Protein backbone atom coordinates (compact mmCIF):
# COMPACT_ATOMS: atom_id res chain seq x y z
CA THR A 1 -3.96 -4.90 13.15
CA ILE A 2 -6.36 -7.81 12.80
CA GLY A 3 -9.99 -8.23 13.82
CA GLY A 4 -10.88 -4.57 14.29
CA ASN A 5 -13.10 -4.16 11.26
CA ASP A 6 -15.00 -7.36 12.13
CA LEU A 7 -15.84 -5.95 15.57
CA MET A 8 -16.69 -2.44 14.39
CA GLY A 9 -19.26 -3.81 11.94
CA ALA A 10 -20.83 -5.86 14.74
CA LEU A 11 -20.79 -2.81 17.04
CA TYR A 12 -22.73 -0.72 14.51
CA GLU A 13 -25.31 -3.52 14.23
CA TYR A 14 -25.61 -3.79 18.03
CA LEU A 15 -26.05 -0.03 18.55
CA ALA A 16 -28.54 0.10 15.68
CA GLU A 17 -30.68 -2.58 17.33
CA GLU A 18 -30.48 -0.86 20.72
CA THR A 19 -31.50 2.51 19.27
CA ASP A 20 -34.01 1.22 16.71
CA ASN A 21 -31.90 2.51 13.85
CA THR A 22 -29.79 1.22 10.93
CA PRO A 23 -26.07 0.37 11.11
CA GLU A 24 -25.38 2.96 8.42
CA ALA A 25 -27.17 5.65 10.42
CA VAL A 26 -25.24 4.73 13.56
CA LYS A 27 -21.93 4.84 11.70
CA THR A 28 -22.79 8.26 10.25
CA ALA A 29 -23.85 9.58 13.65
CA LEU A 30 -20.58 8.47 15.25
CA GLU A 31 -18.51 9.94 12.44
CA SER A 32 -20.01 13.38 13.13
CA ALA A 33 -20.70 12.98 16.84
CA ASP A 34 -20.87 15.69 19.47
CA MET A 35 -20.54 15.23 23.23
CA ALA A 36 -24.26 14.57 23.65
CA THR A 37 -24.30 11.88 20.96
CA LEU A 38 -21.20 10.26 22.40
CA SER A 39 -22.73 10.25 25.88
CA SER A 40 -25.96 8.64 24.64
CA PHE A 41 -24.13 5.77 22.92
CA ALA A 42 -21.74 5.35 25.87
CA GLY A 43 -24.73 4.54 28.07
CA ILE A 44 -25.56 1.38 26.13
CA ILE A 45 -22.21 0.21 24.76
CA GLY A 46 -21.47 -1.74 27.93
CA GLY A 47 -23.71 -4.56 26.75
CA PHE A 48 -21.88 -5.06 23.46
CA ALA A 49 -19.47 -7.77 24.67
CA ALA A 50 -22.37 -10.04 25.67
CA SER A 51 -24.46 -9.27 22.57
CA GLU A 52 -25.33 -11.77 19.86
CA GLN A 53 -23.72 -9.44 17.30
CA CYS A 54 -20.38 -9.53 19.11
CA LYS A 55 -20.47 -13.29 19.65
CA ALA A 56 -21.29 -13.93 15.99
CA ALA A 57 -18.53 -11.59 14.80
CA LEU A 58 -15.92 -13.25 17.03
CA GLU A 59 -17.02 -16.73 15.95
CA ALA A 60 -16.81 -15.82 12.26
CA PHE A 61 -13.46 -14.08 12.77
CA VAL A 62 -11.90 -17.08 14.51
CA LYS A 63 -13.12 -19.42 11.77
CA ASN A 64 -11.77 -17.23 8.96
CA PHE A 65 -8.52 -16.51 10.80
CA ASP A 66 -7.83 -20.17 11.56
CA GLU A 67 -8.53 -21.14 7.95
CA SER A 68 -6.16 -18.42 6.71
CA ILE A 69 -3.33 -19.54 8.99
CA LEU A 70 -3.89 -23.17 7.98
CA ALA A 71 -3.79 -22.23 4.29
CA LEU A 72 -0.51 -20.34 4.77
CA ARG A 73 1.04 -23.23 6.70
CA THR A 74 -0.16 -25.70 4.04
CA MET A 75 1.55 -23.70 1.31
CA ASN A 76 4.76 -23.16 3.28
CA ASN A 77 5.17 -24.69 6.73
CA ASP A 78 8.52 -22.92 7.22
CA VAL A 79 7.22 -19.38 6.70
CA SER A 80 7.41 -16.90 9.59
CA ILE A 81 4.02 -15.34 10.35
CA ILE A 82 3.59 -12.27 12.55
CA VAL A 83 0.03 -11.44 13.66
CA ILE A 84 -0.62 -7.93 14.96
CA ASN A 85 -3.23 -7.90 17.72
CA GLN A 86 -5.90 -5.23 18.17
CA TYR A 87 -5.37 -2.01 20.11
CA ASN A 88 -7.91 0.10 22.04
CA PRO A 89 -8.14 3.35 20.04
CA TYR A 90 -9.69 5.37 22.86
CA SER A 91 -7.58 4.49 25.94
CA TYR A 92 -5.25 7.48 25.70
CA LEU A 93 -8.10 9.87 24.97
CA ALA A 94 -10.16 8.61 27.90
CA ALA A 95 -7.22 8.90 30.31
CA GLY A 96 -7.40 12.67 29.95
CA MET A 97 -11.19 12.87 30.12
CA GLY A 98 -12.12 10.63 33.03
CA SER A 99 -15.84 9.90 32.94
CA ALA A 100 -16.70 12.88 30.71
CA ALA A 101 -19.21 11.93 28.01
CA GLY A 102 -18.94 8.35 29.22
CA MET A 103 -15.54 7.77 27.60
CA ASP A 104 -14.51 5.50 30.48
CA SER A 105 -17.50 3.28 29.65
CA VAL A 106 -16.47 3.21 26.00
CA VAL A 107 -12.91 2.18 26.87
CA ASP A 108 -14.10 -0.49 29.31
CA ALA A 109 -16.46 -1.93 26.70
CA PHE A 110 -13.72 -2.03 24.07
CA ASP A 111 -11.26 -3.62 26.51
CA GLU A 112 -13.77 -6.33 27.39
CA VAL A 113 -14.19 -7.28 23.73
CA LEU A 114 -10.49 -6.91 22.91
CA SER A 115 -9.61 -9.19 25.80
CA GLU A 116 -11.70 -11.86 24.10
CA LEU A 117 -10.34 -11.16 20.60
CA ASN A 118 -6.67 -10.88 21.54
CA GLY A 119 -7.01 -13.90 23.83
CA LYS A 120 -8.01 -15.99 20.83
CA LEU A 121 -4.98 -14.71 18.92
CA ASP A 122 -2.72 -15.57 21.88
CA PHE A 123 -3.89 -19.19 21.85
CA TYR A 124 -1.42 -20.24 19.15
CA ASP A 125 1.17 -17.53 19.80
CA GLY A 126 4.65 -19.00 19.50
CA SER A 127 3.54 -22.10 17.61
CA PHE A 128 1.68 -21.40 14.37
CA TYR A 129 2.58 -17.68 14.41
CA ASP A 130 4.01 -14.94 16.62
CA VAL A 131 1.82 -12.14 18.00
CA ALA A 132 3.04 -8.54 17.84
CA ASP A 133 1.56 -6.96 20.98
CA VAL A 134 0.43 -3.60 19.61
CA TYR A 135 -2.32 -3.46 22.27
CA THR A 136 0.26 -3.05 25.04
CA ALA A 137 2.34 -0.61 22.98
CA PHE A 138 -0.70 1.66 22.55
CA GLN A 139 -1.69 1.33 26.23
CA SER A 140 1.74 2.61 27.29
CA ALA A 141 2.00 5.26 24.56
CA GLU A 142 3.55 8.58 25.59
CA GLU A 143 1.15 10.51 23.36
CA ASN A 144 -2.13 9.85 21.58
CA PRO A 145 -1.44 7.09 19.01
CA CYS A 146 -4.80 7.42 17.22
CA ASN A 147 -6.72 10.06 15.29
CA ALA A 148 -9.51 10.10 17.88
CA SER A 149 -9.73 13.48 19.63
CA ILE A 150 -12.11 15.86 21.36
CA SER A 151 -11.91 19.61 20.86
CA ILE A 152 -14.09 22.70 20.93
CA SER A 153 -15.09 22.00 17.34
CA GLY A 154 -16.45 18.55 18.17
CA VAL A 155 -15.70 14.87 18.66
CA ASN A 156 -13.50 12.82 16.32
CA LEU A 157 -13.92 9.07 16.88
CA ASP A 158 -11.63 7.99 14.02
CA PHE A 159 -10.08 4.78 15.37
CA HIS A 160 -7.20 4.62 12.86
CA PRO A 161 -3.62 5.17 14.08
CA ASN A 162 -1.96 8.52 13.46
CA ALA A 163 1.70 8.87 12.38
CA TYR A 164 2.89 8.21 15.94
CA GLY A 165 0.63 5.14 16.14
CA HIS A 166 2.02 3.78 12.88
CA THR A 167 5.51 4.26 14.30
CA LEU A 168 4.58 2.23 17.39
CA ILE A 169 3.22 -0.55 15.17
CA ALA A 170 6.36 -0.52 13.00
CA GLU A 171 8.64 -0.61 16.06
CA THR A 172 6.67 -3.47 17.60
CA VAL A 173 6.80 -5.55 14.44
CA SER A 174 10.38 -4.68 13.45
CA GLY A 175 11.57 -5.86 16.85
CA MET A 176 10.26 -9.33 15.99
CA LEU A 177 11.57 -9.59 12.43
CA LYS A 178 14.24 -12.16 11.88
CA ALA A 179 17.23 -11.38 9.73
CA ILE A 180 17.06 -12.71 6.20
CA THR A 181 18.51 -16.22 6.32
CA LEU A 182 19.97 -16.43 2.83
CA PRO A 183 23.75 -16.95 3.14
CA ILE A 184 25.98 -14.07 2.08
CA ASP A 185 28.75 -15.20 -0.19
CA SER A 186 30.08 -11.68 -0.73
CA LEU A 187 29.54 -8.06 0.27
CA TYR A 188 31.22 -5.19 -1.59
CA VAL A 189 30.67 -1.57 -0.53
CA ASN A 190 32.30 1.42 -2.24
CA GLY A 191 34.50 -0.96 -4.23
CA ALA A 192 35.91 -2.70 -1.12
CA ASP A 193 35.42 -6.29 0.08
CA LEU A 194 33.67 -5.56 3.36
CA LEU A 195 33.76 -9.17 4.58
CA ALA A 196 37.57 -9.01 4.45
CA ALA A 197 37.82 -5.54 6.02
CA ASP A 198 38.95 -4.90 9.61
CA ASN A 199 35.98 -5.00 11.97
CA TYR A 200 33.77 -5.35 8.90
CA THR A 201 34.07 -1.59 8.38
CA VAL A 202 34.70 0.44 5.21
CA GLU A 203 35.25 4.21 5.12
CA CYS A 204 32.87 5.95 2.72
CA GLY A 205 33.77 9.62 2.36
CA ALA A 206 33.32 11.29 5.73
CA GLY A 207 31.10 8.41 6.86
CA ARG A 208 31.38 4.64 6.94
CA ALA A 209 29.64 1.31 6.31
CA VAL A 210 29.62 -1.29 9.10
CA TYR A 211 28.49 -4.91 8.76
CA ASN A 212 27.17 -7.05 11.63
CA PRO A 213 27.34 -10.73 10.59
CA ASP A 214 25.26 -11.83 13.58
CA THR A 215 22.20 -9.95 12.33
CA ASN A 216 23.24 -9.79 8.66
CA THR A 217 22.88 -6.00 8.87
CA LEU A 218 24.82 -3.34 6.98
CA THR A 219 24.62 0.05 8.70
CA LEU A 220 25.35 3.14 6.62
CA GLU A 221 26.50 6.01 8.85
CA ASN A 222 26.57 9.23 6.76
CA ALA A 223 28.18 7.11 4.05
CA LYS A 224 29.12 8.68 0.69
CA ILE A 225 29.59 5.82 -1.79
CA THR A 226 31.14 6.88 -5.09
CA SER A 227 32.90 3.67 -6.26
CA GLY A 228 31.68 0.18 -6.90
CA GLU A 229 32.51 -3.41 -7.70
CA THR A 230 32.56 -4.30 -11.40
CA GLN A 231 30.82 -7.56 -12.30
CA PHE A 232 28.47 -9.28 -14.74
CA GLU A 233 28.96 -7.46 -18.06
CA GLY A 234 30.90 -4.50 -16.72
CA GLU A 235 28.26 -3.06 -14.38
CA THR A 236 29.57 -0.87 -11.56
CA ILE A 237 27.64 -1.56 -8.34
CA GLY A 238 27.82 0.67 -5.25
CA ILE A 239 26.66 -2.07 -2.84
CA SER A 240 26.82 -5.65 -4.13
CA VAL A 241 25.60 -8.60 -2.05
CA GLY A 242 25.91 -12.32 -2.76
CA GLY A 243 22.74 -13.13 -0.83
CA GLY A 244 20.12 -11.22 1.15
CA LEU A 245 20.79 -8.25 3.43
CA ASN A 246 19.36 -5.82 5.96
CA ILE A 247 20.45 -2.20 5.47
CA VAL A 248 19.99 0.38 8.25
CA LEU A 249 20.35 4.10 7.46
CA GLU A 250 21.82 6.54 9.96
CA GLY A 251 22.21 10.18 8.95
CA GLU A 252 22.46 11.33 5.32
CA ASN A 253 23.79 8.68 2.94
CA SER A 254 24.34 8.60 -0.80
CA ILE A 255 25.35 6.18 -3.57
CA ILE A 256 26.48 7.95 -6.73
CA VAL A 257 27.97 5.62 -9.36
CA ASP A 258 28.93 6.63 -12.89
CA GLY A 259 28.46 4.66 -16.06
CA GLU A 260 25.59 3.69 -18.32
CA ASN A 261 25.35 0.23 -16.71
CA SER A 262 25.85 1.27 -13.09
CA LEU A 263 23.63 0.03 -10.24
CA GLY A 264 23.19 1.57 -6.80
CA ILE A 265 22.41 -1.64 -4.85
CA TYR A 266 22.31 -5.26 -6.03
CA THR A 267 21.37 -8.25 -3.85
CA ASP A 268 21.21 -11.86 -4.93
CA GLY A 269 18.38 -12.36 -2.44
CA GLY A 270 15.95 -10.34 -0.35
CA LEU A 271 16.61 -6.83 0.92
CA SER A 272 15.33 -4.83 3.87
CA ILE A 273 16.05 -1.09 4.12
CA SER A 274 15.12 0.72 7.34
CA SER A 275 16.23 3.92 9.04
CA VAL A 276 17.16 5.18 12.46
CA SER A 277 15.50 8.50 13.34
CA ASN A 278 15.58 10.57 10.13
CA GLY A 279 18.02 8.42 8.18
CA SER A 280 18.03 8.92 4.40
CA LEU A 281 19.60 7.55 1.23
CA LYS A 282 20.04 9.13 -2.19
CA ILE A 283 20.95 6.91 -5.16
CA ILE A 284 22.08 8.17 -8.58
CA SER A 285 22.92 5.50 -11.16
CA GLY A 286 23.01 4.96 -14.89
CA SER A 287 21.05 1.71 -15.14
CA THR A 288 19.13 0.67 -12.00
CA GLY A 289 18.76 2.20 -8.55
CA ILE A 290 18.04 -1.01 -6.60
CA TRP A 291 17.95 -4.57 -7.97
CA THR A 292 16.94 -7.45 -5.69
CA ASN A 293 16.40 -11.11 -6.50
CA GLY A 294 13.98 -11.49 -3.61
CA GLU A 295 11.44 -9.60 -1.56
CA LEU A 296 12.15 -5.96 -0.79
CA SER A 297 11.05 -4.04 2.30
CA ILE A 298 11.54 -0.27 2.74
CA SER A 299 10.49 1.25 6.06
CA GLY A 300 11.34 4.19 8.23
CA THR A 301 9.97 7.09 10.22
CA ALA A 302 7.93 10.10 9.20
CA ASN A 303 11.05 12.05 8.14
CA SER A 304 13.14 9.23 6.64
CA SER A 305 13.54 9.15 2.88
CA LEU A 306 14.86 7.21 -0.09
CA GLU A 307 15.51 9.07 -3.33
CA ILE A 308 16.49 7.36 -6.59
CA THR A 309 17.49 8.93 -9.90
CA SER A 310 18.31 6.44 -12.63
CA GLY A 311 18.64 6.38 -16.39
CA GLY A 312 16.96 2.97 -16.43
CA ILE A 313 14.84 1.30 -13.74
CA GLY A 314 14.24 2.78 -10.29
CA ILE A 315 13.63 -0.40 -8.27
CA TYR A 316 13.60 -3.91 -9.75
CA HIS A 317 12.44 -6.60 -7.28
CA SER A 318 12.66 -9.70 -9.41
CA GLY A 319 9.47 -11.76 -9.29
CA SER A 320 8.70 -10.82 -5.69
CA SER A 321 6.75 -8.55 -3.36
CA LEU A 322 7.61 -5.00 -2.34
CA SER A 323 6.62 -3.35 0.95
CA ILE A 324 6.92 0.42 1.50
CA SER A 325 5.88 1.73 4.92
CA ASP A 326 6.17 4.94 6.93
CA CYS A 327 8.69 6.71 4.71
CA THR A 328 9.12 9.07 1.76
CA LEU A 329 10.17 7.48 -1.55
CA THR A 330 11.01 9.59 -4.61
CA ILE A 331 11.97 8.00 -7.94
CA ASP A 332 12.86 9.65 -11.27
CA THR A 333 13.78 7.18 -14.01
CA GLY A 334 14.08 6.77 -17.73
CA GLU A 335 12.31 3.42 -17.66
CA GLU A 336 10.14 1.56 -15.09
CA GLY A 337 9.81 3.08 -11.63
CA LEU A 338 8.84 0.10 -9.41
CA ASP A 339 9.00 -3.11 -11.45
CA PHE A 340 8.62 -6.71 -10.26
CA GLY A 341 9.66 -8.32 -13.54
CA GLY A 342 6.93 -10.96 -13.62
CA GLY A 343 6.62 -14.04 -11.43
CA SER A 344 3.97 -15.22 -8.99
CA ASP A 345 0.40 -13.97 -9.18
CA ASN A 346 0.57 -13.54 -5.39
CA ASN A 347 3.26 -10.86 -5.43
CA VAL A 348 2.11 -7.57 -3.92
CA THR A 349 3.38 -4.01 -3.95
CA SER A 350 2.13 -2.67 -0.62
CA ILE A 351 2.39 1.05 0.19
CA ALA A 352 1.28 2.08 3.69
CA GLY A 353 1.65 5.30 5.64
CA SER A 354 4.05 6.70 3.03
CA TYR A 355 4.61 9.47 0.48
CA VAL A 356 5.63 7.98 -2.87
CA THR A 357 6.43 9.93 -6.02
CA VAL A 358 7.43 8.08 -9.19
CA ASN A 359 8.22 9.68 -12.54
CA SER A 360 9.06 7.09 -15.19
CA ARG A 361 9.64 9.15 -18.29
CA ASN A 362 9.39 6.34 -20.83
CA SER A 363 7.54 3.51 -19.11
CA ILE A 364 5.27 2.27 -16.31
CA ALA A 365 5.65 3.91 -12.89
CA ILE A 366 4.41 1.12 -10.56
CA CYS A 367 3.75 -2.49 -11.55
CA ASN A 368 3.14 -5.79 -9.74
CA ALA A 369 0.72 -8.71 -9.71
CA MET A 370 -1.31 -6.96 -7.00
CA ILE A 371 -1.11 -3.43 -5.62
CA SER A 372 -2.32 -2.18 -2.25
CA ILE A 373 -2.14 1.51 -1.23
CA THR A 374 -3.25 2.45 2.30
CA ASP A 375 -3.01 5.70 4.29
CA SER A 376 -0.58 7.07 1.72
CA THR A 377 0.00 9.75 -0.89
CA VAL A 378 1.14 8.40 -4.26
CA VAL A 379 1.94 10.38 -7.42
CA ALA A 380 2.80 8.34 -10.52
CA THR A 381 3.52 9.84 -13.95
CA GLY A 382 5.17 8.53 -17.07
CA GLY A 383 5.02 7.48 -20.68
CA GLY A 384 4.10 3.81 -20.34
CA ALA A 385 0.91 1.94 -21.14
CA ALA A 386 -0.31 2.56 -17.58
CA GLU A 387 1.27 4.34 -14.65
CA ILE A 388 -0.08 2.17 -11.84
CA LEU A 389 -0.54 -1.33 -13.26
CA ALA A 390 -1.78 -4.41 -11.39
CA LEU A 391 -1.82 -7.70 -13.27
CA GLY A 392 -4.40 -8.78 -10.68
CA ASN A 393 -6.31 -6.64 -8.19
CA MET A 394 -5.63 -3.07 -7.07
CA THR A 395 -6.94 -1.58 -3.80
CA ILE A 396 -6.69 2.05 -2.68
CA THR A 397 -7.79 2.83 0.89
CA ASP A 398 -7.75 6.16 2.75
CA SER A 399 -5.17 7.51 0.30
CA THR A 400 -4.53 10.31 -2.17
CA VAL A 401 -3.41 8.88 -5.51
CA THR A 402 -2.58 10.71 -8.74
CA ALA A 403 -1.72 8.69 -11.86
CA HIS A 404 -1.04 10.40 -15.19
CA CYS A 405 -0.16 8.42 -18.30
CA THR A 406 1.28 10.31 -21.28
CA ALA A 407 1.67 7.14 -23.43
CA THR A 408 4.51 8.85 -25.28
CA ASN A 409 6.89 5.90 -25.40
CA SER A 410 4.81 2.74 -25.40
CA VAL A 411 3.28 0.49 -28.04
CA SER A 412 0.17 -0.97 -26.44
CA ALA A 413 -3.48 -1.67 -27.18
CA TYR A 414 -4.56 0.13 -24.00
CA TYR A 415 -3.47 3.19 -22.06
CA ALA A 416 -4.63 4.15 -18.57
CA GLY A 417 -3.65 6.09 -15.48
CA LEU A 418 -4.85 3.18 -13.31
CA ARG A 419 -4.99 -0.28 -14.91
CA GLY A 420 -6.10 -3.42 -13.13
CA PHE A 421 -6.44 -6.74 -14.95
CA GLY A 422 -8.50 -7.71 -11.91
CA SER A 423 -10.58 -5.36 -9.81
CA VAL A 424 -9.81 -1.71 -9.07
CA GLU A 425 -11.32 -0.83 -5.67
CA ILE A 426 -11.25 2.64 -4.08
CA SER A 427 -12.48 2.87 -0.48
CA GLY A 428 -12.37 4.97 2.65
CA ASP A 429 -11.40 8.62 2.56
CA SER A 430 -9.56 8.36 -0.76
CA THR A 431 -9.03 11.00 -3.43
CA VAL A 432 -7.93 9.49 -6.74
CA THR A 433 -7.06 11.30 -9.96
CA ALA A 434 -6.33 9.16 -13.03
CA THR A 435 -5.69 10.69 -16.45
CA THR A 436 -4.17 9.51 -19.70
CA ARG A 437 -3.34 10.52 -23.24
CA GLY A 438 -3.42 7.72 -25.80
CA ARG A 439 -3.03 7.22 -29.50
CA ASP A 440 -5.42 6.99 -32.42
CA GLY A 441 -7.16 3.65 -32.61
CA LYS A 442 -6.22 2.67 -29.07
CA ILE A 443 -8.23 2.59 -25.86
CA SER A 444 -7.25 5.52 -23.64
CA CYS A 445 -8.87 5.58 -20.19
CA GLY A 446 -8.36 7.28 -16.88
CA VAL A 447 -9.25 4.05 -15.03
CA PHE A 448 -9.50 0.64 -16.70
CA GLY A 449 -10.18 -2.53 -14.72
CA ARG A 450 -11.95 -5.80 -15.05
CA SER A 451 -14.24 -4.21 -12.50
CA VAL A 452 -14.10 -0.71 -10.99
CA THR A 453 -15.58 0.10 -7.57
CA LEU A 454 -15.72 3.44 -5.75
CA GLU A 455 -17.13 3.18 -2.24
CA ARG A 456 -18.94 5.98 -0.47
CA GLY A 457 -16.54 8.45 1.10
CA GLY A 458 -14.04 8.55 -1.76
CA THR A 459 -13.57 10.83 -4.77
CA LEU A 460 -12.50 9.78 -8.28
CA THR A 461 -11.50 12.19 -11.04
CA ALA A 462 -10.84 10.37 -14.32
CA GLU A 463 -9.95 11.52 -17.82
CA GLY A 464 -9.18 9.58 -20.98
CA GLU A 465 -9.29 10.36 -24.67
CA GLN A 466 -11.82 7.58 -25.31
CA ALA A 467 -13.30 7.00 -21.86
CA ALA A 468 -12.85 8.30 -18.35
CA VAL A 469 -13.69 4.90 -16.82
CA ARG A 470 -13.91 1.49 -18.46
CA ALA A 471 -14.52 -2.01 -17.10
CA ASN A 472 -15.28 -5.48 -18.42
CA VAL A 473 -17.69 -6.86 -15.83
CA GLY A 474 -19.09 -3.80 -14.08
CA ILE A 475 -18.67 -0.33 -12.56
CA THR A 476 -19.98 0.20 -9.03
CA VAL A 477 -20.36 3.69 -7.56
CA PRO A 478 -23.00 5.24 -5.29
CA ASP A 479 -25.83 6.61 -7.45
CA SER A 480 -25.43 10.09 -5.98
CA TYR A 481 -21.79 10.18 -7.11
CA LEU A 482 -22.60 10.18 -10.82
CA PRO A 483 -22.73 13.65 -12.42
CA GLU A 484 -26.26 14.82 -13.13
CA GLY A 485 -27.41 13.52 -16.49
CA TYR A 486 -24.85 10.69 -16.56
CA SER A 487 -25.21 6.96 -15.94
CA ILE A 488 -23.32 3.69 -16.13
CA ARG A 489 -23.72 2.15 -19.58
CA GLN A 490 -23.27 -1.41 -20.79
CA VAL A 491 -22.14 -2.09 -24.35
CA PHE A 492 -22.09 -5.49 -26.08
CA ASN A 493 -18.56 -6.79 -26.66
CA THR A 494 -18.35 -8.39 -30.09
CA CYS A 495 -14.83 -9.61 -29.33
CA ASP A 496 -15.46 -11.44 -26.03
CA ALA A 497 -18.85 -13.02 -25.42
CA ASP A 498 -18.10 -13.46 -21.71
CA ASP A 499 -17.41 -9.78 -21.00
CA ASP A 500 -19.31 -6.72 -22.10
CA ILE A 501 -17.95 -3.18 -21.93
CA TYR A 502 -19.02 -0.89 -19.07
CA THR A 503 -18.43 2.83 -19.01
CA ILE A 504 -19.98 6.12 -17.90
CA ALA A 505 -21.77 8.26 -20.46
CA GLU A 506 -24.16 11.16 -20.72
CA ASP A 507 -27.82 10.12 -20.84
CA GLY A 508 -28.94 9.93 -24.46
CA ALA A 509 -25.41 9.57 -25.85
CA GLU A 510 -24.89 6.75 -28.34
CA VAL A 511 -22.15 4.51 -26.93
CA THR A 512 -20.55 2.06 -29.36
CA TYR A 513 -17.66 -0.36 -29.21
CA THR A 514 -15.71 -1.62 -32.21
CA TYR A 515 -12.96 -4.20 -32.18
CA GLU A 516 -11.13 -5.28 -35.31
CA TYR A 517 -8.28 -7.78 -35.36
CA ILE A 518 -5.70 -7.00 -38.02
CA LEU A 519 -3.62 -9.79 -39.53
CA GLY A 520 -0.16 -9.71 -38.03
CA GLY A 521 -1.23 -9.28 -34.42
CA SER A 522 -2.30 -5.65 -34.20
CA SER A 523 -5.87 -4.52 -33.63
CA THR A 524 -8.21 -1.54 -33.58
CA ASP A 525 -10.14 -1.08 -30.36
CA ILE A 526 -12.50 1.91 -30.30
CA LEU A 527 -15.06 2.99 -27.70
CA THR A 528 -17.11 6.03 -28.69
CA GLY A 529 -19.75 8.07 -26.90
CA ALA A 530 -18.34 7.52 -23.40
CA ALA A 531 -17.67 10.41 -21.06
CA THR A 532 -14.02 11.38 -21.40
CA SER A 533 -13.91 13.31 -18.14
CA VAL A 534 -15.86 12.67 -14.92
CA ILE A 535 -15.66 13.61 -11.26
CA LEU A 536 -17.32 11.02 -9.03
CA LYS A 537 -17.94 12.31 -5.52
CA GLU A 538 -20.63 12.92 -2.91
């Protein structure tokens, strides 16, 4: 949803001014509130909508939002943009409480502001973008869609959606998504030409595969795919598409194709995989689980799953973005787990509300230009140079992430559990563990980024043979998070005058950095004296 964080920041500032406090103190008080605290704030929140803080936040939001939409339209005027409006996180909770603790006042105040915010989003609805009305979906929810709750143990004002809330958001957005428009020249399923089959239906074991040309959707209904089309250089492909495709999973489905060069799914365009109820898909292949020549979207419900076992690559989304939301994804491969194969610097692997486990025995587990992990659990292990690798920025928010790099089958100058060529930012209620094992003469770090930031509220455990944490332009963590007797150290970089080396080391330790270029292209890169294991937490 859009605009919520802008308003919450302004709300903290408003309440701080009204109570002669600081925004940080107000935020802390609300995060651990009891009924009395909630009641005291409820008595003054009614004036927020007319406050200078609210007006300034809305004005800045509209300016930034309009500029963002204009920039997107300038780059591609044909792109479809869906904007998710802002929900009221406390409506359902207040409906069961009445006026207790002033919750009705809180809901009224939020609705007054949201009416203004969502009204601004509605202004260009249907022209420059389409608005997904999550506000109405949450208002009519059959159960509490947010984490906010009140119990004997206290008050929880967490405004984020719970699993049910994420499902409502996904359903609202998915109902607006347009089918991929790339033409389909061919569609083979289980070795049969589905476009030539009666009623576009192919039997697959005890189940079947059904294609709807109107929506460009292939529905797998308990399908067991064991054969494939042979193409290219002899590859056997369970599902082969000459274009883009939407795949919907119903029941338990599987694609098991033999052969060293076999692929589970291949599309010569984009691919969307979604599930009905608890739909699932298991893929076992010799070469690649899923190969798309376009953007890939995987979504589902809390109990839907995609499992891939491959001798080569798990998922290859050629030069494009990958979105994983509200599902369980398990990958076990001999080579890369999630690989984008190069391309635009704007490509993103986005993981939201999901459980993702990737074991890439001989290579990188997750790689893209940018990586965003939100409200998810991610476990990445393997033998590559880094197990979660962003060629640009990496953000981890409200997530549990474990990345372990064994570096057993890679020739690289650097090894890391988390590696960002841009920034590595950890925020919210995140718990991150990043460990690595490198080789002599090579940099081996738990976390290595151009910059590394851990915001208050998160926990980072990092281990590396040469350094737990390394950065080129700075490490930012709350002072209280550093272990006693340790500090952030800056070391002069003799190789690059623009960037020094930043790490964490014990006070009094001699930290040195040595770089030596060896004729022929190899080099020796050694950081000594840095802490090789740290736990950064409150």
